[in-house]
Amino acid sequence: MSSTMNLPGVTPELPHVRVGVSAVIRDKDGKFLVGKRKGSHGAGTLQTPGGHLEHGEDLGACAVRETEEETGLVVTAGNVITITNDVFNGEGKHYITIFVDCAMTDPNATPETKEPLKCEGWEWKSWDELKRINEAAASDPSGDKLFLPLVNLVKQTADLNALIASKSQ
C-alpha cells in the first residue's frame, strides 16, 4: 500500500484493469468449447480457453497460445468478435475480455486437460445450452454456472453464431 493513501484529498489506488483474451472455438456441429474453472476467481464456472494478454502480444497470438497451453488444440485466430467489461466485485478484480474467433486446424481434434489445477475438463456446448445454463443459474445454485465474461457475453449477444458470421464478412 502506498503511504499517500492517508493524505487528505488523495484517492486510494484501485486495482489495475487487466486484459483477458478468450478463444471462441466451435466444433463441426457449431458447439462451443468450455471448461470448468478451478483454483482461481470464478472457480466452478464454465469458461472458454483464454487468459491474460502479455505485454506486446497480439490478441490472436494470445488466443492461440492460451488455447494450446490449456487444451493442446492447435487453432488459428480470426477476428475479434466482441468485448465484455467484467467487474468481479467480490474478488476486487476488473477485466476487459476480448473474445476472438478461433478455428481448429484439425476439426476432429479432441481437447485435453493440459492444466488440471486450473480446469476440470473440456466439453462442447451449443449457444442455446450456454444461454439456458445462464438463465437457470439464478434459480438453481447447485447447477452449472458461467464465468462472468461468458455471463456478460450471453447478456449482450442474442446469437453468437450470427455475430461471428457478421464479423467474418
C-alpha atoms as a PDB file:
ATOM      1  CA  MET A   1       0.000   0.000   0.000  1.00  0.00           C
ATOM      2  CA  SER A   2       1.081   3.489  -0.757  1.00  0.00           C
ATOM      3  CA  SER A   3       1.823   5.942   2.031  1.00  0.00           C
ATOM      4  CA  THR A   4      -0.243   8.533   0.123  1.00  0.00           C
ATOM      5  CA  MET A   5      -3.463   6.690   0.967  1.00  0.00           C
ATOM      6  CA  ASN A   6      -3.790   8.550   4.286  1.00  0.00           C
ATOM      7  CA  LEU A   7      -3.197  12.023   2.872  1.00  0.00           C
ATOM      8  CA  PRO A   8      -6.216  14.338   2.721  1.00  0.00           C
ATOM      9  CA  GLY A   9      -7.619  14.691  -0.791  1.00  0.00           C
ATOM     10  CA  VAL A  10      -5.721  11.676  -2.150  1.00  0.00           C
ATOM     11  CA  THR A  11      -7.802   8.837  -3.541  1.00  0.00           C
ATOM     12  CA  PRO A  12      -6.563   5.339  -2.680  1.00  0.00           C
ATOM     13  CA  GLU A  13      -5.119   3.456  -5.635  1.00  0.00           C
ATOM     14  CA  LEU A  14      -7.545   0.937  -7.114  1.00  0.00           C
ATOM     15  CA  PRO A  15      -6.507  -2.388  -8.644  1.00  0.00           C
ATOM     16  CA  HIS A  16      -5.465  -2.158 -12.292  1.00  0.00           C
ATOM     17  CA  VAL A  17      -7.856  -3.237 -15.014  1.00  0.00           C
ATOM     18  CA  ARG A  18      -6.452  -6.334 -16.737  1.00  0.00           C
ATOM     19  CA  VAL A  19      -6.997  -7.561 -20.289  1.00  0.00           C
ATOM     20  CA  GLY A  20      -8.192 -11.104 -20.843  1.00  0.00           C
ATOM     21  CA  VAL A  21      -8.421 -12.841 -24.202  1.00  0.00           C
ATOM     22  CA  SER A  22     -10.988 -15.575 -24.696  1.00  0.00           C
ATOM     23  CA  ALA A  23     -10.777 -18.049 -27.593  1.00  0.00           C
ATOM     24  CA  VAL A  24     -14.173 -18.891 -29.083  1.00  0.00           C
ATOM     25  CA  ILE A  25     -13.753 -22.333 -30.656  1.00  0.00           C
ATOM     26  CA  ARG A  26     -16.551 -24.235 -32.387  1.00  0.00           C
ATOM     27  CA  ASP A  27     -16.651 -27.881 -33.372  1.00  0.00           C
ATOM     28  CA  LYS A  28     -18.063 -29.166 -36.667  1.00  0.00           C
ATOM     29  CA  ASP A  29     -21.572 -29.115 -35.106  1.00  0.00           C
ATOM     30  CA  GLY A  30     -21.260 -25.447 -34.119  1.00  0.00           C
ATOM     31  CA  LYS A  31     -20.872 -26.146 -30.397  1.00  0.00           C
ATOM     32  CA  PHE A  32     -18.510 -24.057 -28.282  1.00  0.00           C
ATOM     33  CA  LEU A  33     -15.604 -25.369 -26.213  1.00  0.00           C
ATOM     34  CA  VAL A  34     -15.968 -24.645 -22.482  1.00  0.00           C
ATOM     35  CA  GLY A  35     -14.239 -25.945 -19.373  1.00  0.00           C
ATOM     36  CA  LYS A  36     -14.935 -25.703 -15.651  1.00  0.00           C
ATOM     37  CA  ARG A  37     -12.514 -23.375 -13.832  1.00  0.00           C
ATOM     38  CA  LYS A  38     -10.610 -24.428 -10.716  1.00  0.00           C
ATOM     39  CA  GLY A  39      -8.237 -22.759  -8.307  1.00  0.00           C
ATOM     40  CA  SER A  40      -8.848 -19.066  -9.037  1.00  0.00           C
ATOM     41  CA  HIS A  41     -11.580 -16.458  -9.270  1.00  0.00           C
ATOM     42  CA  GLY A  42     -14.641 -17.937 -10.921  1.00  0.00           C
ATOM     43  CA  ALA A  43     -13.836 -21.461  -9.685  1.00  0.00           C
ATOM     44  CA  GLY A  44     -16.640 -23.863 -10.594  1.00  0.00           C
ATOM     45  CA  THR A  45     -17.856 -21.813 -13.561  1.00  0.00           C
ATOM     46  CA  LEU A  46     -17.705 -22.613 -17.271  1.00  0.00           C
ATOM     47  CA  GLN A  47     -15.261 -20.642 -19.403  1.00  0.00           C
ATOM     48  CA  THR A  48     -13.764 -20.708 -22.872  1.00  0.00           C
ATOM     49  CA  PRO A  49      -9.988 -21.177 -23.221  1.00  0.00           C
ATOM     50  CA  GLY A  50      -8.141 -17.955 -22.570  1.00  0.00           C
ATOM     51  CA  GLY A  51      -6.034 -15.894 -20.247  1.00  0.00           C
ATOM     52  CA  HIS A  52      -4.078 -12.710 -19.728  1.00  0.00           C
ATOM     53  CA  LEU A  53      -2.731 -10.714 -22.625  1.00  0.00           C
ATOM     54  CA  GLU A  54       1.033 -10.420 -22.227  1.00  0.00           C
ATOM     55  CA  HIS A  55       2.911  -7.164 -22.812  1.00  0.00           C
ATOM     56  CA  GLY A  56       3.396  -6.602 -26.550  1.00  0.00           C
ATOM     57  CA  GLU A  57       1.351  -9.675 -27.509  1.00  0.00           C
ATOM     58  CA  ASP A  58      -1.077  -9.702 -30.432  1.00  0.00           C
ATOM     59  CA  LEU A  59      -4.688 -10.579 -29.494  1.00  0.00           C
ATOM     60  CA  GLY A  60      -4.824 -13.505 -31.912  1.00  0.00           C
ATOM     61  CA  ALA A  61      -1.454 -14.816 -30.748  1.00  0.00           C
ATOM     62  CA  CYS A  62      -2.709 -14.736 -27.158  1.00  0.00           C
ATOM     63  CA  ALA A  63      -5.829 -16.739 -28.090  1.00  0.00           C
ATOM     64  CA  VAL A  64      -3.708 -19.303 -29.973  1.00  0.00           C
ATOM     65  CA  ARG A  65      -1.150 -19.589 -27.142  1.00  0.00           C
ATOM     66  CA  GLU A  66      -3.712 -19.913 -24.351  1.00  0.00           C
ATOM     67  CA  THR A  67      -5.723 -22.499 -26.306  1.00  0.00           C
ATOM     68  CA  GLU A  68      -2.677 -24.682 -26.907  1.00  0.00           C
ATOM     69  CA  GLU A  69      -1.473 -24.323 -23.291  1.00  0.00           C
ATOM     70  CA  GLU A  70      -4.877 -25.213 -21.841  1.00  0.00           C
ATOM     71  CA  THR A  71      -6.299 -27.728 -24.335  1.00  0.00           C
ATOM     72  CA  GLY A  72      -3.486 -28.930 -26.589  1.00  0.00           C
ATOM     73  CA  LEU A  73      -5.576 -27.839 -29.583  1.00  0.00           C
ATOM     74  CA  VAL A  74      -3.872 -26.020 -32.420  1.00  0.00           C
ATOM     75  CA  VAL A  75      -6.042 -23.162 -33.657  1.00  0.00           C
ATOM     76  CA  THR A  76      -5.816 -20.214 -35.982  1.00  0.00           C
ATOM     77  CA  ALA A  77      -7.143 -16.892 -34.770  1.00  0.00           C
ATOM     78  CA  GLY A  78      -9.698 -14.964 -36.762  1.00  0.00           C
ATOM     79  CA  ASN A  79     -11.489 -11.740 -35.974  1.00  0.00           C
ATOM     80  CA  VAL A  80     -12.308 -10.127 -32.666  1.00  0.00           C
ATOM     81  CA  ILE A  81     -15.961 -10.986 -32.053  1.00  0.00           C
ATOM     82  CA  THR A  82     -16.807  -8.666 -29.170  1.00  0.00           C
ATOM     83  CA  ILE A  83     -15.578  -7.254 -25.875  1.00  0.00           C
ATOM     84  CA  THR A  84     -17.052  -7.506 -22.382  1.00  0.00           C
ATOM     85  CA  ASN A  85     -16.448  -5.340 -19.308  1.00  0.00           C
ATOM     86  CA  ASP A  86     -16.167  -7.731 -16.340  1.00  0.00           C
ATOM     87  CA  VAL A  87     -16.052  -6.410 -12.767  1.00  0.00           C
ATOM     88  CA  PHE A  88     -15.584  -9.152 -10.167  1.00  0.00           C
ATOM     89  CA  ASN A  89     -16.777  -7.186  -7.132  1.00  0.00           C
ATOM     90  CA  GLY A  90     -16.188  -9.933  -4.575  1.00  0.00           C
ATOM     91  CA  GLU A  91     -12.613 -10.510  -5.712  1.00  0.00           C
ATOM     92  CA  GLY A  92     -11.655  -6.886  -6.354  1.00  0.00           C
ATOM     93  CA  LYS A  93     -10.781  -7.706  -9.976  1.00  0.00           C
ATOM     94  CA  HIS A  94     -11.748  -5.913 -13.172  1.00  0.00           C
ATOM     95  CA  TYR A  95     -11.135  -7.306 -16.656  1.00  0.00           C
ATOM     96  CA  ILE A  96     -11.789  -6.240 -20.180  1.00  0.00           C
ATOM     97  CA  THR A  97     -12.284  -9.539 -22.017  1.00  0.00           C
ATOM     98  CA  ILE A  98     -11.732  -9.696 -25.756  1.00  0.00           C
ATOM     99  CA  PHE A  99     -13.407 -12.649 -27.486  1.00  0.00           C
ATOM    100  CA  VAL A 100     -11.506 -13.917 -30.547  1.00  0.00           C
ATOM    101  CA  ASP A 101     -12.974 -16.318 -33.123  1.00  0.00           C
ATOM    102  CA  CYS A 102     -10.646 -19.326 -33.473  1.00  0.00           C
ATOM    103  CA  ALA A 103     -10.731 -22.348 -35.789  1.00  0.00           C
ATOM    104  CA  MET A 104      -9.170 -25.733 -35.058  1.00  0.00           C
ATOM    105  CA  THR A 105      -6.586 -26.724 -37.663  1.00  0.00           C
ATOM    106  CA  ASP A 106      -7.800 -30.331 -37.218  1.00  0.00           C
ATOM    107  CA  PRO A 107     -11.607 -30.292 -36.919  1.00  0.00           C
ATOM    108  CA  ASN A 108     -11.514 -33.819 -35.451  1.00  0.00           C
ATOM    109  CA  ALA A 109      -9.034 -32.974 -32.673  1.00  0.00           C
ATOM    110  CA  THR A 110     -10.051 -33.639 -29.080  1.00  0.00           C
ATOM    111  CA  PRO A 111      -9.244 -31.132 -26.335  1.00  0.00           C
ATOM    112  CA  GLU A 112      -7.071 -32.354 -23.459  1.00  0.00           C
ATOM    113  CA  THR A 113      -6.997 -31.032 -19.911  1.00  0.00           C
ATOM    114  CA  LYS A 114      -3.419 -29.694 -20.011  1.00  0.00           C
ATOM    115  CA  GLU A 115      -3.742 -27.621 -16.818  1.00  0.00           C
ATOM    116  CA  PRO A 116      -5.637 -29.866 -14.371  1.00  0.00           C
ATOM    117  CA  LEU A 117      -5.061 -27.470 -11.467  1.00  0.00           C
ATOM    118  CA  LYS A 118      -6.907 -24.742 -13.402  1.00  0.00           C
ATOM    119  CA  CYS A 119      -9.608 -26.686 -15.286  1.00  0.00           C
ATOM    120  CA  GLU A 120     -11.662 -29.803 -14.515  1.00  0.00           C
ATOM    121  CA  GLY A 121     -12.081 -30.713 -18.184  1.00  0.00           C
ATOM    122  CA  TRP A 122     -13.418 -29.545 -21.542  1.00  0.00           C
ATOM    123  CA  GLU A 123     -16.787 -30.101 -23.216  1.00  0.00           C
ATOM    124  CA  TRP A 124     -18.789 -28.808 -26.159  1.00  0.00           C
ATOM    125  CA  LYS A 125     -21.984 -26.789 -25.562  1.00  0.00           C
ATOM    126  CA  SER A 126     -24.354 -25.129 -28.007  1.00  0.00           C
ATOM    127  CA  TRP A 127     -25.092 -21.413 -27.688  1.00  0.00           C
ATOM    128  CA  ASP A 128     -28.639 -22.301 -26.603  1.00  0.00           C
ATOM    129  CA  GLU A 129     -27.239 -24.598 -23.882  1.00  0.00           C
ATOM    130  CA  LEU A 130     -24.999 -21.801 -22.605  1.00  0.00           C
ATOM    131  CA  LYS A 131     -27.952 -19.396 -22.539  1.00  0.00           C
ATOM    132  CA  ARG A 132     -30.057 -21.963 -20.627  1.00  0.00           C
ATOM    133  CA  ILE A 133     -27.250 -22.532 -18.109  1.00  0.00           C
ATOM    134  CA  ASN A 134     -27.066 -18.786 -17.528  1.00  0.00           C
ATOM    135  CA  GLU A 135     -30.850 -18.475 -17.113  1.00  0.00           C
ATOM    136  CA  ALA A 136     -31.021 -21.445 -14.718  1.00  0.00           C
ATOM    137  CA  ALA A 137     -28.097 -20.266 -12.557  1.00  0.00           C
ATOM    138  CA  ALA A 138     -30.257 -17.748 -10.688  1.00  0.00           C
ATOM    139  CA  SER A 139     -32.845 -20.325  -9.638  1.00  0.00           C
ATOM    140  CA  ASP A 140     -30.578 -23.378  -9.258  1.00  0.00           C
ATOM    141  CA  PRO A 141     -27.439 -22.538  -7.261  1.00  0.00           C
ATOM    142  CA  SER A 142     -26.299 -26.177  -7.417  1.00  0.00           C
ATOM    143  CA  GLY A 143     -26.266 -26.318 -11.234  1.00  0.00           C
ATOM    144  CA  ASP A 144     -23.655 -25.211 -13.753  1.00  0.00           C
ATOM    145  CA  LYS A 145     -22.773 -21.527 -13.937  1.00  0.00           C
ATOM    146  CA  LEU A 146     -20.925 -19.413 -16.462  1.00  0.00           C
ATOM    147  CA  PHE A 147     -17.747 -17.418 -15.774  1.00  0.00           C
ATOM    148  CA  LEU A 148     -18.548 -13.681 -15.619  1.00  0.00           C
ATOM    149  CA  PRO A 149     -17.174 -12.854 -19.103  1.00  0.00           C
ATOM    150  CA  LEU A 150     -19.474 -15.551 -20.554  1.00  0.00           C
ATOM    151  CA  VAL A 151     -22.397 -14.254 -18.455  1.00  0.00           C
ATOM    152  CA  ASN A 152     -21.825 -10.810 -19.939  1.00  0.00           C
ATOM    153  CA  LEU A 153     -21.388 -12.253 -23.438  1.00  0.00           C
ATOM    154  CA  VAL A 154     -24.751 -14.029 -23.138  1.00  0.00           C
ATOM    155  CA  LYS A 155     -26.401 -10.821 -21.884  1.00  0.00           C
ATOM    156  CA  GLN A 156     -25.154  -8.746 -24.809  1.00  0.00           C
ATOM    157  CA  THR A 157     -25.374 -11.346 -27.611  1.00  0.00           C
ATOM    158  CA  ALA A 158     -28.613 -12.984 -28.726  1.00  0.00           C
ATOM    159  CA  ASP A 159     -26.949 -15.298 -31.263  1.00  0.00           C
ATOM    160  CA  LEU A 160     -23.182 -15.770 -31.065  1.00  0.00           C
ATOM    161  CA  ASN A 161     -23.017 -17.759 -34.321  1.00  0.00           C
ATOM    162  CA  ALA A 162     -24.711 -14.888 -36.189  1.00  0.00           C
ATOM    163  CA  LEU A 163     -22.361 -12.367 -34.553  1.00  0.00           C
ATOM    164  CA  ILE A 164     -19.319 -14.414 -35.599  1.00  0.00           C
ATOM    165  CA  ALA A 165     -20.658 -14.669 -39.161  1.00  0.00           C
ATOM    166  CA  SER A 166     -21.184 -10.898 -39.314  1.00  0.00           C
ATOM    167  CA  LYS A 167     -17.574 -10.259 -38.227  1.00  0.00           C
ATOM    168  CA  SER A 168     -16.132 -12.529 -40.930  1.00  0.00           C
ATOM    169  CA  GLN A 169     -17.732 -10.672 -43.849  1.00  0.00           C
END
